[in-house]
All heavy atoms as atom14 arrays in JSON, in Angstrom:
{
  "sequence": "PAGAPLVVVLHGCTQTAASYDHGSGWSRLADRAGFAVVFPEQT",
  "atom14_mask": [
    [1, 1, 1, 1, 1, 1, 1, 0, 0, 0, 0, 0, 0, 0],
    [1, 1, 1, 1, 1, 0, 0, 0, 0, 0, 0, 0, 0, 0],
    [1, 1, 1, 1, 0, 0, 0, 0, 0, 0, 0, 0, 0, 0],
    [1, 1, 1, 1, 1, 0, 0, 0, 0, 0, 0, 0, 0, 0],
    [1, 1, 1, 1, 1, 1, 1, 0, 0, 0, 0, 0, 0, 0],
    [1, 1, 1, 1, 1, 1, 1, 1, 0, 0, 0, 0, 0, 0],
    [1, 1, 1, 1, 1, 1, 1, 0, 0, 0, 0, 0, 0, 0],
    [1, 1, 1, 1, 1, 1, 1, 0, 0, 0, 0, 0, 0, 0],
    [1, 1, 1, 1, 1, 1, 1, 0, 0, 0, 0, 0, 0, 0],
    [1, 1, 1, 1, 1, 1, 1, 1, 0, 0, 0, 0, 0, 0],
    [1, 1, 1, 1, 1, 1, 1, 1, 1, 1, 0, 0, 0, 0],
    [1, 1, 1, 1, 0, 0, 0, 0, 0, 0, 0, 0, 0, 0],
    [1, 1, 1, 1, 1, 1, 0, 0, 0, 0, 0, 0, 0, 0],
    [1, 1, 1, 1, 1, 1, 1, 0, 0, 0, 0, 0, 0, 0],
    [1, 1, 1, 1, 1, 1, 1, 1, 1, 0, 0, 0, 0, 0],
    [1, 1, 1, 1, 1, 1, 1, 0, 0, 0, 0, 0, 0, 0],
    [1, 1, 1, 1, 1, 0, 0, 0, 0, 0, 0, 0, 0, 0],
    [1, 1, 1, 1, 1, 0, 0, 0, 0, 0, 0, 0, 0, 0],
    [1, 1, 1, 1, 1, 1, 0, 0, 0, 0, 0, 0, 0, 0],
    [1, 1, 1, 1, 1, 1, 1, 1, 1, 1, 1, 1, 0, 0],
    [1, 1, 1, 1, 1, 1, 1, 1, 0, 0, 0, 0, 0, 0],
    [1, 1, 1, 1, 1, 1, 1, 1, 1, 1, 0, 0, 0, 0],
    [1, 1, 1, 1, 0, 0, 0, 0, 0, 0, 0, 0, 0, 0],
    [1, 1, 1, 1, 1, 1, 0, 0, 0, 0, 0, 0, 0, 0],
    [1, 1, 1, 1, 0, 0, 0, 0, 0, 0, 0, 0, 0, 0],
    [1, 1, 1, 1, 1, 1, 1, 1, 1, 1, 1, 1, 1, 1],
    [1, 1, 1, 1, 1, 1, 0, 0, 0, 0, 0, 0, 0, 0],
    [1, 1, 1, 1, 1, 1, 1, 1, 1, 1, 1, 0, 0, 0],
    [1, 1, 1, 1, 1, 1, 1, 1, 0, 0, 0, 0, 0, 0],
    [1, 1, 1, 1, 1, 0, 0, 0, 0, 0, 0, 0, 0, 0],
    [1, 1, 1, 1, 1, 1, 1, 1, 0, 0, 0, 0, 0, 0],
    [1, 1, 1, 1, 1, 1, 1, 1, 1, 1, 1, 0, 0, 0],
    [1, 1, 1, 1, 1, 0, 0, 0, 0, 0, 0, 0, 0, 0],
    [1, 1, 1, 1, 0, 0, 0, 0, 0, 0, 0, 0, 0, 0],
    [1, 1, 1, 1, 1, 1, 1, 1, 1, 1, 1, 0, 0, 0],
    [1, 1, 1, 1, 1, 0, 0, 0, 0, 0, 0, 0, 0, 0],
    [1, 1, 1, 1, 1, 1, 1, 0, 0, 0, 0, 0, 0, 0],
    [1, 1, 1, 1, 1, 1, 1, 0, 0, 0, 0, 0, 0, 0],
    [1, 1, 1, 1, 1, 1, 1, 1, 1, 1, 1, 0, 0, 0],
    [1, 1, 1, 1, 1, 1, 1, 0, 0, 0, 0, 0, 0, 0],
    [1, 1, 1, 1, 1, 1, 1, 1, 1, 0, 0, 0, 0, 0],
    [1, 1, 1, 1, 1, 1, 1, 1, 1, 0, 0, 0, 0, 0],
    [1, 1, 1, 1, 1, 1, 1, 0, 0, 0, 0, 0, 0, 0]
  ],
  "atom14_positions": [
    [[152.96, 78.2, 145.09], [153.87, 77.78, 146.18], [153.16, 77.68, 147.51], [152.12, 78.3, 147.74], [154.9, 78.92, 146.21], [154.18, 80.11, 145.68], [153.19, 79.58, 144.66], [0.0, 0.0, 0.0], [0.0, 0.0, 0.0], [0.0, 0.0, 0.0], [0.0, 0.0, 0.0], [0.0, 0.0, 0.0], [0.0, 0.0, 0.0], [0.0, 0.0, 0.0]],
    [[153.71, 76.88, 148.4], [153.19, 76.82, 149.77], [153.32, 78.21, 150.39], [154.22, 78.97, 150.05], [153.99, 75.8, 150.58], [0.0, 0.0, 0.0], [0.0, 0.0, 0.0], [0.0, 0.0, 0.0], [0.0, 0.0, 0.0], [0.0, 0.0, 0.0], [0.0, 0.0, 0.0], [0.0, 0.0, 0.0], [0.0, 0.0, 0.0], [0.0, 0.0, 0.0]],
    [[152.4, 78.52, 151.26], [152.44, 79.82, 151.91], [151.8, 80.95, 151.12], [151.93, 82.11, 151.49], [0.0, 0.0, 0.0], [0.0, 0.0, 0.0], [0.0, 0.0, 0.0], [0.0, 0.0, 0.0], [0.0, 0.0, 0.0], [0.0, 0.0, 0.0], [0.0, 0.0, 0.0], [0.0, 0.0, 0.0], [0.0, 0.0, 0.0], [0.0, 0.0, 0.0]],
    [[151.09, 80.61, 150.05], [150.41, 81.63, 149.26], [149.15, 82.11, 149.98], [148.62, 81.42, 150.85], [150.05, 81.07, 147.88], [0.0, 0.0, 0.0], [0.0, 0.0, 0.0], [0.0, 0.0, 0.0], [0.0, 0.0, 0.0], [0.0, 0.0, 0.0], [0.0, 0.0, 0.0], [0.0, 0.0, 0.0], [0.0, 0.0, 0.0], [0.0, 0.0, 0.0]],
    [[148.66, 83.28, 149.62], [147.42, 83.78, 150.23], [146.18, 83.07, 149.68], [146.24, 82.37, 148.66], [147.38, 85.26, 149.82], [148.72, 85.57, 149.26], [149.29, 84.28, 148.78], [0.0, 0.0, 0.0], [0.0, 0.0, 0.0], [0.0, 0.0, 0.0], [0.0, 0.0, 0.0], [0.0, 0.0, 0.0], [0.0, 0.0, 0.0], [0.0, 0.0, 0.0]],
    [[145.06, 83.3, 150.35], [143.76, 82.78, 149.94], [142.74, 83.91, 149.97], [142.71, 84.69, 150.92], [143.29, 81.66, 150.88], [141.87, 81.13, 150.68], [141.73, 80.43, 149.32], [141.49, 80.18, 151.81], [0.0, 0.0, 0.0], [0.0, 0.0, 0.0], [0.0, 0.0, 0.0], [0.0, 0.0, 0.0], [0.0, 0.0, 0.0], [0.0, 0.0, 0.0]],
    [[141.91, 83.98, 148.93], [140.81, 84.94, 148.9], [139.5, 84.15, 148.8], [139.35, 83.29, 147.93], [140.93, 85.92, 147.72], [139.72, 86.87, 147.69], [142.22, 86.73, 147.83], [0.0, 0.0, 0.0], [0.0, 0.0, 0.0], [0.0, 0.0, 0.0], [0.0, 0.0, 0.0], [0.0, 0.0, 0.0], [0.0, 0.0, 0.0], [0.0, 0.0, 0.0]],
    [[138.57, 84.45, 149.71], [137.23, 83.86, 149.71], [136.32, 84.88, 149.03], [136.25, 86.04, 149.46], [136.75, 83.57, 151.14], [135.33, 83.0, 151.13], [137.72, 82.63, 151.84], [0.0, 0.0, 0.0], [0.0, 0.0, 0.0], [0.0, 0.0, 0.0], [0.0, 0.0, 0.0], [0.0, 0.0, 0.0], [0.0, 0.0, 0.0], [0.0, 0.0, 0.0]],
    [[135.63, 84.46, 147.95], [134.83, 85.38, 147.14], [133.36, 84.97, 147.21], [133.01, 83.84, 146.88], [135.32, 85.38, 145.67], [134.48, 86.32, 144.84], [136.8, 85.76, 145.6], [0.0, 0.0, 0.0], [0.0, 0.0, 0.0], [0.0, 0.0, 0.0], [0.0, 0.0, 0.0], [0.0, 0.0, 0.0], [0.0, 0.0, 0.0], [0.0, 0.0, 0.0]],
    [[132.5, 85.91, 147.64], [131.08, 85.64, 147.82], [130.26, 86.42, 146.78], [130.29, 87.65, 146.76], [130.66, 86.04, 149.24], [131.43, 85.33, 150.35], [131.08, 85.92, 151.71], [131.16, 83.84, 150.33], [0.0, 0.0, 0.0], [0.0, 0.0, 0.0], [0.0, 0.0, 0.0], [0.0, 0.0, 0.0], [0.0, 0.0, 0.0], [0.0, 0.0, 0.0]],
    [[129.55, 85.68, 145.95], [128.77, 86.27, 144.85], [127.53, 87.0, 145.34], [127.1, 86.86, 146.49], [128.39, 85.2, 143.84], [127.49, 84.13, 144.4], [126.14, 84.32, 144.58], [127.74, 82.86, 144.82], [125.59, 83.23, 145.08], [126.55, 82.32, 145.25], [0.0, 0.0, 0.0], [0.0, 0.0, 0.0], [0.0, 0.0, 0.0], [0.0, 0.0, 0.0]],
    [[126.91, 87.76, 144.46], [125.67, 88.45, 144.76], [124.46, 87.62, 144.41], [124.56, 86.5, 143.9], [0.0, 0.0, 0.0], [0.0, 0.0, 0.0], [0.0, 0.0, 0.0], [0.0, 0.0, 0.0], [0.0, 0.0, 0.0], [0.0, 0.0, 0.0], [0.0, 0.0, 0.0], [0.0, 0.0, 0.0], [0.0, 0.0, 0.0], [0.0, 0.0, 0.0]],
    [[123.29, 88.17, 144.68], [122.03, 87.48, 144.38], [121.93, 87.17, 142.89], [122.41, 87.93, 142.05], [120.84, 88.35, 144.79], [120.74, 88.61, 146.57], [0.0, 0.0, 0.0], [0.0, 0.0, 0.0], [0.0, 0.0, 0.0], [0.0, 0.0, 0.0], [0.0, 0.0, 0.0], [0.0, 0.0, 0.0], [0.0, 0.0, 0.0], [0.0, 0.0, 0.0]],
    [[121.28, 86.08, 142.58], [121.03, 85.53, 141.23], [122.29, 85.0, 140.56], [122.2, 84.43, 139.49], [120.32, 86.52, 140.28], [121.24, 87.51, 139.82], [119.1, 87.15, 140.92], [0.0, 0.0, 0.0], [0.0, 0.0, 0.0], [0.0, 0.0, 0.0], [0.0, 0.0, 0.0], [0.0, 0.0, 0.0], [0.0, 0.0, 0.0], [0.0, 0.0, 0.0]],
    [[123.44, 85.18, 141.16], [124.68, 84.74, 140.54], [125.07, 83.34, 140.99], [124.58, 82.83, 141.99], [125.81, 85.71, 140.89], [125.63, 87.09, 140.3], [126.76, 88.02, 140.68], [127.21, 88.05, 141.83], [127.24, 88.78, 139.72], [0.0, 0.0, 0.0], [0.0, 0.0, 0.0], [0.0, 0.0, 0.0], [0.0, 0.0, 0.0], [0.0, 0.0, 0.0]],
    [[126.0, 82.77, 140.23], [126.68, 81.55, 140.63], [128.15, 81.89, 140.82], [128.59, 82.99, 140.46], [126.56, 80.47, 139.53], [127.23, 80.95, 138.35], [125.1, 80.13, 139.23], [0.0, 0.0, 0.0], [0.0, 0.0, 0.0], [0.0, 0.0, 0.0], [0.0, 0.0, 0.0], [0.0, 0.0, 0.0], [0.0, 0.0, 0.0], [0.0, 0.0, 0.0]],
    [[128.89, 80.96, 141.37], [130.33, 81.18, 141.51], [130.96, 81.42, 140.15], [131.76, 82.35, 139.97], [130.97, 79.98, 142.2], [0.0, 0.0, 0.0], [0.0, 0.0, 0.0], [0.0, 0.0, 0.0], [0.0, 0.0, 0.0], [0.0, 0.0, 0.0], [0.0, 0.0, 0.0], [0.0, 0.0, 0.0], [0.0, 0.0, 0.0], [0.0, 0.0, 0.0]],
    [[130.59, 80.61, 139.15], [131.19, 80.74, 137.82], [130.84, 82.06, 137.16], [131.69, 82.7, 136.54], [130.75, 79.57, 136.94], [0.0, 0.0, 0.0], [0.0, 0.0, 0.0], [0.0, 0.0, 0.0], [0.0, 0.0, 0.0], [0.0, 0.0, 0.0], [0.0, 0.0, 0.0], [0.0, 0.0, 0.0], [0.0, 0.0, 0.0], [0.0, 0.0, 0.0]],
    [[129.58, 82.5, 137.29], [129.2, 83.76, 136.63], [129.9, 84.95, 137.3], [130.33, 85.88, 136.63], [127.69, 83.95, 136.62], [127.17, 84.16, 137.92], [0.0, 0.0, 0.0], [0.0, 0.0, 0.0], [0.0, 0.0, 0.0], [0.0, 0.0, 0.0], [0.0, 0.0, 0.0], [0.0, 0.0, 0.0], [0.0, 0.0, 0.0], [0.0, 0.0, 0.0]],
    [[130.04, 84.9, 138.62], [130.72, 86.0, 139.3], [132.21, 86.01, 138.95], [132.8, 87.07, 138.73], [130.49, 85.95, 140.81], [130.98, 87.18, 141.53], [130.71, 88.45, 141.03], [131.7, 87.09, 142.7], [131.16, 89.6, 141.68], [132.15, 88.22, 143.37], [131.88, 89.47, 142.86], [132.32, 90.6, 143.5], [0.0, 0.0, 0.0], [0.0, 0.0, 0.0]],
    [[132.8, 84.83, 138.88], [134.21, 84.77, 138.49], [134.39, 85.3, 137.07], [135.33, 86.06, 136.81], [134.74, 83.34, 138.6], [136.2, 83.25, 138.21], [137.01, 84.06, 138.74], [136.55, 82.41, 137.36], [0.0, 0.0, 0.0], [0.0, 0.0, 0.0], [0.0, 0.0, 0.0], [0.0, 0.0, 0.0], [0.0, 0.0, 0.0], [0.0, 0.0, 0.0]],
    [[133.49, 84.91, 136.19], [133.61, 85.37, 134.79], [133.55, 86.89, 134.72], [134.33, 87.52, 134.02], [132.51, 84.75, 133.92], [132.55, 85.24, 132.52], [133.48, 84.79, 131.6], [131.79, 86.15, 131.88], [133.29, 85.41, 130.46], [132.27, 86.25, 130.59], [0.0, 0.0, 0.0], [0.0, 0.0, 0.0], [0.0, 0.0, 0.0], [0.0, 0.0, 0.0]],
    [[132.6, 87.49, 135.45], [132.44, 88.94, 135.4], [133.5, 89.71, 136.16], [133.86, 90.83, 135.8], [0.0, 0.0, 0.0], [0.0, 0.0, 0.0], [0.0, 0.0, 0.0], [0.0, 0.0, 0.0], [0.0, 0.0, 0.0], [0.0, 0.0, 0.0], [0.0, 0.0, 0.0], [0.0, 0.0, 0.0], [0.0, 0.0, 0.0], [0.0, 0.0, 0.0]],
    [[134.01, 89.13, 137.23], [134.95, 89.85, 138.09], [136.41, 89.57, 137.78], [137.29, 90.38, 138.08], [134.69, 89.49, 139.56], [134.96, 88.11, 139.78], [0.0, 0.0, 0.0], [0.0, 0.0, 0.0], [0.0, 0.0, 0.0], [0.0, 0.0, 0.0], [0.0, 0.0, 0.0], [0.0, 0.0, 0.0], [0.0, 0.0, 0.0], [0.0, 0.0, 0.0]],
    [[136.69, 88.4, 137.21], [138.07, 88.05, 136.86], [138.95, 87.6, 138.01], [140.18, 87.6, 137.91], [0.0, 0.0, 0.0], [0.0, 0.0, 0.0], [0.0, 0.0, 0.0], [0.0, 0.0, 0.0], [0.0, 0.0, 0.0], [0.0, 0.0, 0.0], [0.0, 0.0, 0.0], [0.0, 0.0, 0.0], [0.0, 0.0, 0.0], [0.0, 0.0, 0.0]],
    [[138.33, 87.15, 139.11], [139.13, 86.74, 140.27], [140.11, 85.62, 139.95], [141.26, 85.65, 140.39], [138.23, 86.35, 141.43], [137.84, 87.51, 142.28], [136.62, 88.13, 142.32], [138.66, 88.21, 143.2], [136.64, 89.18, 143.21], [137.88, 89.25, 143.76], [139.99, 88.08, 143.6], [138.39, 90.14, 144.71], [140.49, 88.95, 144.55], [139.7, 89.97, 145.09]],
    [[139.7, 84.61, 139.2], [140.61, 83.48, 138.94], [141.78, 83.9, 138.05], [142.89, 83.42, 138.21], [139.85, 82.3, 138.33], [139.32, 82.62, 137.06], [0.0, 0.0, 0.0], [0.0, 0.0, 0.0], [0.0, 0.0, 0.0], [0.0, 0.0, 0.0], [0.0, 0.0, 0.0], [0.0, 0.0, 0.0], [0.0, 0.0, 0.0], [0.0, 0.0, 0.0]],
    [[141.53, 84.82, 137.12], [142.63, 85.32, 136.28], [143.61, 86.17, 137.1], [144.83, 86.08, 136.93], [142.08, 86.11, 135.1], [141.31, 85.24, 134.13], [140.83, 86.0, 132.91], [139.87, 85.24, 132.15], [140.13, 84.18, 131.4], [141.36, 83.74, 131.31], [139.18, 83.56, 130.74], [0.0, 0.0, 0.0], [0.0, 0.0, 0.0], [0.0, 0.0, 0.0]],
    [[143.07, 86.97, 138.0], [143.92, 87.75, 138.9], [144.74, 86.83, 139.79], [145.92, 87.08, 140.04], [143.07, 88.7, 139.74], [143.83, 89.59, 140.72], [144.81, 90.5, 140.0], [142.84, 90.4, 141.55], [0.0, 0.0, 0.0], [0.0, 0.0, 0.0], [0.0, 0.0, 0.0], [0.0, 0.0, 0.0], [0.0, 0.0, 0.0], [0.0, 0.0, 0.0]],
    [[144.13, 85.74, 140.24], [144.85, 84.77, 141.07], [146.04, 84.18, 140.32], [147.12, 83.99, 140.9], [143.9, 83.67, 141.52], [0.0, 0.0, 0.0], [0.0, 0.0, 0.0], [0.0, 0.0, 0.0], [0.0, 0.0, 0.0], [0.0, 0.0, 0.0], [0.0, 0.0, 0.0], [0.0, 0.0, 0.0], [0.0, 0.0, 0.0], [0.0, 0.0, 0.0]],
    [[145.86, 83.9, 139.03], [146.97, 83.38, 138.22], [148.1, 84.4, 138.14], [149.28, 84.05, 138.24], [146.49, 83.05, 136.81], [145.64, 81.79, 136.74], [145.7, 80.97, 137.68], [144.92, 81.62, 135.73], [0.0, 0.0, 0.0], [0.0, 0.0, 0.0], [0.0, 0.0, 0.0], [0.0, 0.0, 0.0], [0.0, 0.0, 0.0], [0.0, 0.0, 0.0]],
    [[147.75, 85.66, 137.94], [148.77, 86.71, 137.79], [149.46, 87.04, 139.1], [150.67, 87.28, 139.12], [148.14, 87.98, 137.2], [147.76, 87.87, 135.74], [147.54, 89.22, 135.09], [146.62, 90.08, 135.81], [145.31, 90.15, 135.6], [144.76, 89.37, 134.7], [144.57, 90.98, 136.29], [0.0, 0.0, 0.0], [0.0, 0.0, 0.0], [0.0, 0.0, 0.0]],
    [[148.69, 87.09, 140.21], [149.25, 87.56, 141.47], [149.69, 86.43, 142.41], [150.33, 86.7, 143.42], [148.23, 88.45, 142.18], [0.0, 0.0, 0.0], [0.0, 0.0, 0.0], [0.0, 0.0, 0.0], [0.0, 0.0, 0.0], [0.0, 0.0, 0.0], [0.0, 0.0, 0.0], [0.0, 0.0, 0.0], [0.0, 0.0, 0.0], [0.0, 0.0, 0.0]],
    [[149.3, 85.19, 142.11], [149.78, 84.06, 142.91], [149.06, 83.83, 144.21], [149.67, 83.82, 145.28], [0.0, 0.0, 0.0], [0.0, 0.0, 0.0], [0.0, 0.0, 0.0], [0.0, 0.0, 0.0], [0.0, 0.0, 0.0], [0.0, 0.0, 0.0], [0.0, 0.0, 0.0], [0.0, 0.0, 0.0], [0.0, 0.0, 0.0], [0.0, 0.0, 0.0]],
    [[147.74, 83.65, 144.13], [146.97, 83.28, 145.31], [145.87, 82.31, 144.91], [145.53, 82.19, 143.72], [146.38, 84.51, 146.02], [145.45, 85.35, 145.19], [144.1, 85.06, 145.1], [145.94, 86.45, 144.51], [143.24, 85.85, 144.34], [145.09, 87.25, 143.75], [143.74, 86.95, 143.66], [0.0, 0.0, 0.0], [0.0, 0.0, 0.0], [0.0, 0.0, 0.0]],
    [[145.32, 81.6, 145.87], [144.22, 80.67, 145.63], [142.9, 81.39, 145.89], [142.85, 82.36, 146.65], [144.35, 79.45, 146.53], [0.0, 0.0, 0.0], [0.0, 0.0, 0.0], [0.0, 0.0, 0.0], [0.0, 0.0, 0.0], [0.0, 0.0, 0.0], [0.0, 0.0, 0.0], [0.0, 0.0, 0.0], [0.0, 0.0, 0.0], [0.0, 0.0, 0.0]],
    [[141.83, 80.89, 145.26], [140.51, 81.48, 145.43], [139.51, 80.38, 145.73], [139.54, 79.32, 145.1], [140.05, 82.22, 144.16], [138.78, 83.01, 144.43], [141.13, 83.13, 143.63], [0.0, 0.0, 0.0], [0.0, 0.0, 0.0], [0.0, 0.0, 0.0], [0.0, 0.0, 0.0], [0.0, 0.0, 0.0], [0.0, 0.0, 0.0], [0.0, 0.0, 0.0]],
    [[138.62, 80.64, 146.7], [137.5, 79.74, 146.95], [136.21, 80.55, 146.83], [136.12, 81.67, 147.35], [137.6, 79.01, 148.32], [137.64, 79.98, 149.48], [136.46, 78.02, 148.49], [0.0, 0.0, 0.0], [0.0, 0.0, 0.0], [0.0, 0.0, 0.0], [0.0, 0.0, 0.0], [0.0, 0.0, 0.0], [0.0, 0.0, 0.0], [0.0, 0.0, 0.0]],
    [[135.26, 80.0, 146.09], [133.97, 80.63, 145.86], [132.87, 79.78, 146.49], [132.41, 78.82, 145.89], [133.67, 80.7, 144.36], [134.43, 81.71, 143.57], [135.72, 81.46, 143.15], [133.84, 82.91, 143.21], [136.42, 82.39, 142.39], [134.52, 83.84, 142.45], [135.81, 83.59, 142.04], [0.0, 0.0, 0.0], [0.0, 0.0, 0.0], [0.0, 0.0, 0.0]],
    [[132.42, 80.1, 147.7], [131.2, 79.46, 148.19], [130.05, 79.85, 147.26], [130.03, 80.95, 146.7], [131.02, 80.06, 149.58], [132.4, 80.51, 149.97], [133.02, 80.98, 148.7], [0.0, 0.0, 0.0], [0.0, 0.0, 0.0], [0.0, 0.0, 0.0], [0.0, 0.0, 0.0], [0.0, 0.0, 0.0], [0.0, 0.0, 0.0], [0.0, 0.0, 0.0]],
    [[129.1, 78.94, 147.09], [127.97, 79.22, 146.19], [126.66, 78.88, 146.88], [126.49, 77.79, 147.41], [128.1, 78.42, 144.9], [126.99, 78.71, 143.9], [127.17, 77.95, 142.6], [128.06, 78.33, 141.82], [126.45, 76.96, 142.38], [0.0, 0.0, 0.0], [0.0, 0.0, 0.0], [0.0, 0.0, 0.0], [0.0, 0.0, 0.0], [0.0, 0.0, 0.0]],
    [[125.74, 79.83, 146.83], [124.4, 79.62, 147.38], [123.58, 78.74, 146.44], [123.85, 78.69, 145.24], [123.72, 80.98, 147.58], [122.36, 80.91, 148.23], [122.39, 80.27, 149.61], [122.47, 79.05, 149.73], [122.35, 81.09, 150.66], [0.0, 0.0, 0.0], [0.0, 0.0, 0.0], [0.0, 0.0, 0.0], [0.0, 0.0, 0.0], [0.0, 0.0, 0.0]],
    [[122.6, 78.04, 146.98], [121.72, 77.18, 146.18], [120.3, 77.72, 146.21], [119.91, 78.46, 147.12], [121.72, 75.74, 146.72], [121.12, 75.75, 148.03], [123.13, 75.17, 146.81], [0.0, 0.0, 0.0], [0.0, 0.0, 0.0], [0.0, 0.0, 0.0], [0.0, 0.0, 0.0], [0.0, 0.0, 0.0], [0.0, 0.0, 0.0], [0.0, 0.0, 0.0]]
  ]
}
């Protein structure tokens, strides 16, 4: 819904956004709790 929260998630060294999400479960938590997630990724 409009007006939902947003969480910005920053991974650690050697990680990618996908690997950190897989290990931490942020996107699954977002589905359950109703918020959006953005993962900046270092190159």
